[in-house]
Amino acid sequence: MASLPIFMTAVANSSDEPAFPLLFTWSTHEAQVKEVLVIPDDEWLENHQIEPNLHDLDEQQLHEFGFEASDILAEWINEFDTDTIYGLEPELLNQLVDATYDIKGLEPSFEVQSIHSWFEERDVNLDDAMAEQGQTTPLHLLPPDELIIQLLQIAAENGLIDPSDIPTVEE
């Protein structure tokens, strides 16, 4: 079986005018789920602010528990051996990934494509699969780690990846 795809999601500083990431969550080729808070760069904060968000992330939390863009990029370079990552909102995710690379003067080593397209290419309608699981919460409203686990579970249930690799969500 091919290596697992990497699914990613992010939380932006603003829902109206997203400019930089507050949080990235992604799956690994080993079906682990990783989540990292992002310390906002001073340059980002000169022109944009962190607005209230569903995850109650604020600047103090980001500085206390977050990681610098360079640390996140180093992890991605070591971990991602693919040129395609899949996200729920690819345009937004591309923008946030670009901001993270750009602040360090680098170009992204991967592009973000639609998670819906990944499933459709494999003859699975993601929305229908979510409904079959009894999931009534829209995908974009799920906590980031639950979203990634849910995507992995749907892929496993449809025979797209090995089910024994998938973590489970604690109910």
C-alpha atoms as a PDB file:
ATOM      1  CA  MET A   1       0.000   0.000   0.000  1.00  0.00           C
ATOM      2  CA  ALA A   2       1.254   3.495  -0.827  1.00  0.00           C
ATOM      3  CA  SER A   3       2.404   5.791   1.930  1.00  0.00           C
ATOM      4  CA  LEU A   4      -0.354   7.676   3.634  1.00  0.00           C
ATOM      5  CA  PRO A   5      -1.278  11.094   2.260  1.00  0.00           C
ATOM      6  CA  ILE A   6      -0.610  14.108   4.418  1.00  0.00           C
ATOM      7  CA  PHE A   7      -3.769  15.951   5.441  1.00  0.00           C
ATOM      8  CA  MET A   8      -3.339  19.438   6.917  1.00  0.00           C
ATOM      9  CA  THR A   9      -5.469  22.167   8.396  1.00  0.00           C
ATOM     10  CA  ALA A  10      -4.688  25.521   9.981  1.00  0.00           C
ATOM     11  CA  VAL A  11      -6.204  28.263  12.079  1.00  0.00           C
ATOM     12  CA  ALA A  12      -5.622  31.801  10.792  1.00  0.00           C
ATOM     13  CA  ASN A  13      -5.268  35.057  12.710  1.00  0.00           C
ATOM     14  CA  SER A  14      -8.583  36.269  11.259  1.00  0.00           C
ATOM     15  CA  SER A  15     -11.582  34.724   9.583  1.00  0.00           C
ATOM     16  CA  ASP A  16     -12.252  37.893   7.542  1.00  0.00           C
ATOM     17  CA  GLU A  17      -8.708  38.818   6.524  1.00  0.00           C
ATOM     18  CA  PRO A  18      -6.408  35.846   7.144  1.00  0.00           C
ATOM     19  CA  ALA A  19      -2.756  36.828   6.913  1.00  0.00           C
ATOM     20  CA  PHE A  20      -0.780  34.392   9.054  1.00  0.00           C
ATOM     21  CA  PRO A  21      -1.225  31.076  10.893  1.00  0.00           C
ATOM     22  CA  LEU A  22      -1.874  30.564  14.588  1.00  0.00           C
ATOM     23  CA  LEU A  23      -1.954  26.775  14.442  1.00  0.00           C
ATOM     24  CA  PHE A  24      -1.091  23.987  12.004  1.00  0.00           C
ATOM     25  CA  THR A  25      -2.373  20.421  12.369  1.00  0.00           C
ATOM     26  CA  TRP A  26      -1.327  17.616  10.032  1.00  0.00           C
ATOM     27  CA  SER A  27      -1.138  13.879   9.642  1.00  0.00           C
ATOM     28  CA  THR A  28       2.143  12.069   9.046  1.00  0.00           C
ATOM     29  CA  HIS A  29       2.912   9.158   6.740  1.00  0.00           C
ATOM     30  CA  GLU A  30       2.682   6.990   9.890  1.00  0.00           C
ATOM     31  CA  ALA A  31      -0.877   8.266  10.609  1.00  0.00           C
ATOM     32  CA  GLN A  32       0.180  10.313  13.604  1.00  0.00           C
ATOM     33  CA  VAL A  33      -1.501  13.660  14.119  1.00  0.00           C
ATOM     34  CA  LYS A  34       0.778  16.593  14.910  1.00  0.00           C
ATOM     35  CA  GLU A  35      -0.319  20.024  16.025  1.00  0.00           C
ATOM     36  CA  VAL A  36       1.805  23.103  16.567  1.00  0.00           C
ATOM     37  CA  LEU A  37       1.062  26.637  17.681  1.00  0.00           C
ATOM     38  CA  VAL A  38       2.864  29.315  15.668  1.00  0.00           C
ATOM     39  CA  ILE A  39       4.624  32.236  17.348  1.00  0.00           C
ATOM     40  CA  PRO A  40       3.562  35.250  15.283  1.00  0.00           C
ATOM     41  CA  ASP A  41       6.433  37.056  13.626  1.00  0.00           C
ATOM     42  CA  ASP A  42       6.758  40.737  14.532  1.00  0.00           C
ATOM     43  CA  GLU A  43       6.367  41.620  10.850  1.00  0.00           C
ATOM     44  CA  TRP A  44       2.969  39.872  10.757  1.00  0.00           C
ATOM     45  CA  LEU A  45       1.793  41.743  13.845  1.00  0.00           C
ATOM     46  CA  GLU A  46       2.807  45.136  12.396  1.00  0.00           C
ATOM     47  CA  ASN A  47      -0.002  44.948   9.829  1.00  0.00           C
ATOM     48  CA  HIS A  48      -2.484  42.438  11.271  1.00  0.00           C
ATOM     49  CA  GLN A  49      -3.958  41.427  14.582  1.00  0.00           C
ATOM     50  CA  ILE A  50      -5.096  38.194  16.155  1.00  0.00           C
ATOM     51  CA  GLU A  51      -8.866  38.227  16.266  1.00  0.00           C
ATOM     52  CA  PRO A  52     -11.017  36.147  18.620  1.00  0.00           C
ATOM     53  CA  ASN A  53     -11.344  32.626  17.196  1.00  0.00           C
ATOM     54  CA  LEU A  54     -13.168  29.347  17.811  1.00  0.00           C
ATOM     55  CA  HIS A  55     -10.077  27.892  19.478  1.00  0.00           C
ATOM     56  CA  ASP A  56      -9.552  30.797  21.911  1.00  0.00           C
ATOM     57  CA  LEU A  57      -5.954  31.219  20.773  1.00  0.00           C
ATOM     58  CA  ASP A  58      -4.353  34.490  21.785  1.00  0.00           C
ATOM     59  CA  GLU A  59      -0.936  36.058  21.407  1.00  0.00           C
ATOM     60  CA  GLN A  60       0.161  35.148  24.949  1.00  0.00           C
ATOM     61  CA  GLN A  61      -0.586  31.432  24.397  1.00  0.00           C
ATOM     62  CA  LEU A  62       1.233  31.484  21.083  1.00  0.00           C
ATOM     63  CA  HIS A  63       4.342  33.017  22.658  1.00  0.00           C
ATOM     64  CA  GLU A  64       4.245  30.641  25.635  1.00  0.00           C
ATOM     65  CA  PHE A  65       3.555  27.385  23.803  1.00  0.00           C
ATOM     66  CA  GLY A  66       4.265  28.093  20.146  1.00  0.00           C
ATOM     67  CA  PHE A  67       7.187  27.535  17.843  1.00  0.00           C
ATOM     68  CA  GLU A  68       9.010  29.890  15.500  1.00  0.00           C
ATOM     69  CA  ALA A  69       8.352  29.544  11.771  1.00  0.00           C
ATOM     70  CA  SER A  70      11.933  28.292  11.250  1.00  0.00           C
ATOM     71  CA  ASP A  71      11.369  25.388  13.677  1.00  0.00           C
ATOM     72  CA  ILE A  72       8.108  24.430  11.955  1.00  0.00           C
ATOM     73  CA  LEU A  73       9.721  24.591   8.506  1.00  0.00           C
ATOM     74  CA  ALA A  74      12.639  22.443   9.682  1.00  0.00           C
ATOM     75  CA  GLU A  75      10.177  19.806  10.887  1.00  0.00           C
ATOM     76  CA  TRP A  76       8.233  19.913   7.618  1.00  0.00           C
ATOM     77  CA  ILE A  77      11.421  19.591   5.556  1.00  0.00           C
ATOM     78  CA  ASN A  78      12.417  16.497   7.557  1.00  0.00           C
ATOM     79  CA  GLU A  79       8.936  15.008   7.553  1.00  0.00           C
ATOM     80  CA  PHE A  80       7.298  15.774   4.212  1.00  0.00           C
ATOM     81  CA  ASP A  81       8.705  13.751   1.344  1.00  0.00           C
ATOM     82  CA  THR A  82       5.860  14.755  -0.934  1.00  0.00           C
ATOM     83  CA  ASP A  83       5.107  17.697  -3.165  1.00  0.00           C
ATOM     84  CA  THR A  84       1.367  17.625  -2.388  1.00  0.00           C
ATOM     85  CA  ILE A  85      -0.466  18.118   0.899  1.00  0.00           C
ATOM     86  CA  TYR A  86      -4.264  17.924   1.132  1.00  0.00           C
ATOM     87  CA  GLY A  87      -6.386  20.476   2.955  1.00  0.00           C
ATOM     88  CA  LEU A  88     -10.046  21.247   3.534  1.00  0.00           C
ATOM     89  CA  GLU A  89      -9.681  24.865   2.414  1.00  0.00           C
ATOM     90  CA  PRO A  90      -6.685  24.710   0.034  1.00  0.00           C
ATOM     91  CA  GLU A  91      -6.643  28.413  -0.878  1.00  0.00           C
ATOM     92  CA  LEU A  92      -6.527  29.494   2.766  1.00  0.00           C
ATOM     93  CA  LEU A  93      -4.040  26.793   3.711  1.00  0.00           C
ATOM     94  CA  ASN A  94      -1.778  27.729   0.781  1.00  0.00           C
ATOM     95  CA  GLN A  95      -1.884  31.347   1.944  1.00  0.00           C
ATOM     96  CA  LEU A  96      -0.905  30.401   5.516  1.00  0.00           C
ATOM     97  CA  VAL A  97       1.825  27.999   4.385  1.00  0.00           C
ATOM     98  CA  ASP A  98       3.159  30.675   2.009  1.00  0.00           C
ATOM     99  CA  ALA A  99       3.213  33.229   4.864  1.00  0.00           C
ATOM    100  CA  THR A 100       5.208  30.808   7.020  1.00  0.00           C
ATOM    101  CA  TYR A 101       7.795  30.152   4.320  1.00  0.00           C
ATOM    102  CA  ASP A 102       7.854  33.774   3.116  1.00  0.00           C
ATOM    103  CA  ILE A 103       8.709  35.185   6.549  1.00  0.00           C
ATOM    104  CA  LYS A 104      11.939  33.155   6.322  1.00  0.00           C
ATOM    105  CA  GLY A 105      12.577  34.106   2.686  1.00  0.00           C
ATOM    106  CA  LEU A 106      11.826  30.604   1.406  1.00  0.00           C
ATOM    107  CA  GLU A 107       9.495  29.027  -1.142  1.00  0.00           C
ATOM    108  CA  PRO A 108       7.149  26.201  -0.091  1.00  0.00           C
ATOM    109  CA  SER A 109       8.375  22.718  -0.949  1.00  0.00           C
ATOM    110  CA  PHE A 110       4.827  21.469  -1.510  1.00  0.00           C
ATOM    111  CA  GLU A 111       1.483  22.637  -2.814  1.00  0.00           C
ATOM    112  CA  VAL A 112      -1.867  22.260  -1.108  1.00  0.00           C
ATOM    113  CA  GLN A 113      -4.699  20.597  -2.982  1.00  0.00           C
ATOM    114  CA  SER A 114      -8.308  19.971  -2.018  1.00  0.00           C
ATOM    115  CA  ILE A 115      -9.071  17.094   0.335  1.00  0.00           C
ATOM    116  CA  HIS A 116     -12.404  16.730  -1.457  1.00  0.00           C
ATOM    117  CA  SER A 117     -10.504  16.171  -4.724  1.00  0.00           C
ATOM    118  CA  TRP A 118      -8.286  13.523  -3.110  1.00  0.00           C
ATOM    119  CA  PHE A 119     -11.351  11.560  -2.047  1.00  0.00           C
ATOM    120  CA  GLU A 120     -13.194  12.166  -5.350  1.00  0.00           C
ATOM    121  CA  GLU A 121     -10.205  10.814  -7.318  1.00  0.00           C
ATOM    122  CA  ARG A 122     -10.704   7.625  -5.324  1.00  0.00           C
ATOM    123  CA  ASP A 123     -14.482   7.505  -5.931  1.00  0.00           C
ATOM    124  CA  VAL A 124     -15.442   8.628  -2.409  1.00  0.00           C
ATOM    125  CA  ASN A 125     -17.725  11.588  -1.769  1.00  0.00           C
ATOM    126  CA  LEU A 126     -16.346  13.093   1.439  1.00  0.00           C
ATOM    127  CA  ASP A 127     -19.615  14.764   2.441  1.00  0.00           C
ATOM    128  CA  ASP A 128     -21.560  11.507   1.984  1.00  0.00           C
ATOM    129  CA  ALA A 129     -18.916   9.569   3.916  1.00  0.00           C
ATOM    130  CA  MET A 130     -19.150  12.060   6.794  1.00  0.00           C
ATOM    131  CA  ALA A 131     -22.937  11.693   6.860  1.00  0.00           C
ATOM    132  CA  GLU A 132     -22.630   7.883   6.866  1.00  0.00           C
ATOM    133  CA  GLN A 133     -20.443   8.189   9.975  1.00  0.00           C
ATOM    134  CA  GLY A 134     -23.210  10.172  11.625  1.00  0.00           C
ATOM    135  CA  GLN A 135     -21.069  13.316  11.606  1.00  0.00           C
ATOM    136  CA  THR A 136     -23.413  16.306  11.560  1.00  0.00           C
ATOM    137  CA  THR A 137     -20.867  18.993  12.425  1.00  0.00           C
ATOM    138  CA  PRO A 138     -19.559  20.701   9.273  1.00  0.00           C
ATOM    139  CA  LEU A 139     -15.927  19.752   8.668  1.00  0.00           C
ATOM    140  CA  HIS A 140     -14.653  23.325   8.998  1.00  0.00           C
ATOM    141  CA  LEU A 141     -16.144  23.554  12.519  1.00  0.00           C
ATOM    142  CA  LEU A 142     -14.432  20.428  13.881  1.00  0.00           C
ATOM    143  CA  PRO A 143     -11.387  20.946  16.112  1.00  0.00           C
ATOM    144  CA  PRO A 144      -8.306  20.619  13.852  1.00  0.00           C
ATOM    145  CA  ASP A 145      -7.037  17.362  15.381  1.00  0.00           C
ATOM    146  CA  GLU A 146     -10.493  15.763  15.180  1.00  0.00           C
ATOM    147  CA  LEU A 147     -10.805  16.852  11.551  1.00  0.00           C
ATOM    148  CA  ILE A 148      -7.526  15.166  10.612  1.00  0.00           C
ATOM    149  CA  ILE A 149      -8.437  11.962  12.491  1.00  0.00           C
ATOM    150  CA  GLN A 150     -11.886  11.962  10.872  1.00  0.00           C
ATOM    151  CA  LEU A 151     -10.327  12.249   7.402  1.00  0.00           C
ATOM    152  CA  LEU A 152      -7.960   9.375   8.144  1.00  0.00           C
ATOM    153  CA  GLN A 153     -10.831   7.242   9.463  1.00  0.00           C
ATOM    154  CA  ILE A 154     -12.946   7.879   6.351  1.00  0.00           C
ATOM    155  CA  ALA A 155      -9.983   6.994   4.136  1.00  0.00           C
ATOM    156  CA  ALA A 156      -9.497   3.760   6.118  1.00  0.00           C
ATOM    157  CA  GLU A 157     -13.201   2.854   6.081  1.00  0.00           C
ATOM    158  CA  ASN A 158     -13.207   3.205   2.311  1.00  0.00           C
ATOM    159  CA  GLY A 159     -10.129   1.023   1.855  1.00  0.00           C
ATOM    160  CA  LEU A 160      -7.910   3.908   0.755  1.00  0.00           C
ATOM    161  CA  ILE A 161      -5.399   3.435   3.578  1.00  0.00           C
ATOM    162  CA  ASP A 162      -4.678   0.642   6.059  1.00  0.00           C
ATOM    163  CA  PRO A 163      -7.164   0.875   8.973  1.00  0.00           C
ATOM    164  CA  SER A 164      -4.622  -0.414  11.507  1.00  0.00           C
ATOM    165  CA  ASP A 165      -2.611   2.788  11.026  1.00  0.00           C
ATOM    166  CA  ILE A 166      -5.373   5.138  12.160  1.00  0.00           C
ATOM    167  CA  PRO A 167      -5.676   6.724  15.609  1.00  0.00           C
ATOM    168  CA  THR A 168      -9.160   7.006  17.088  1.00  0.00           C
ATOM    169  CA  VAL A 169     -10.982  10.030  18.415  1.00  0.00           C
ATOM    170  CA  GLU A 170     -11.841   9.804  22.095  1.00  0.00           C
ATOM    171  CA  GLU A 171     -15.559  10.457  22.451  1.00  0.00           C
END
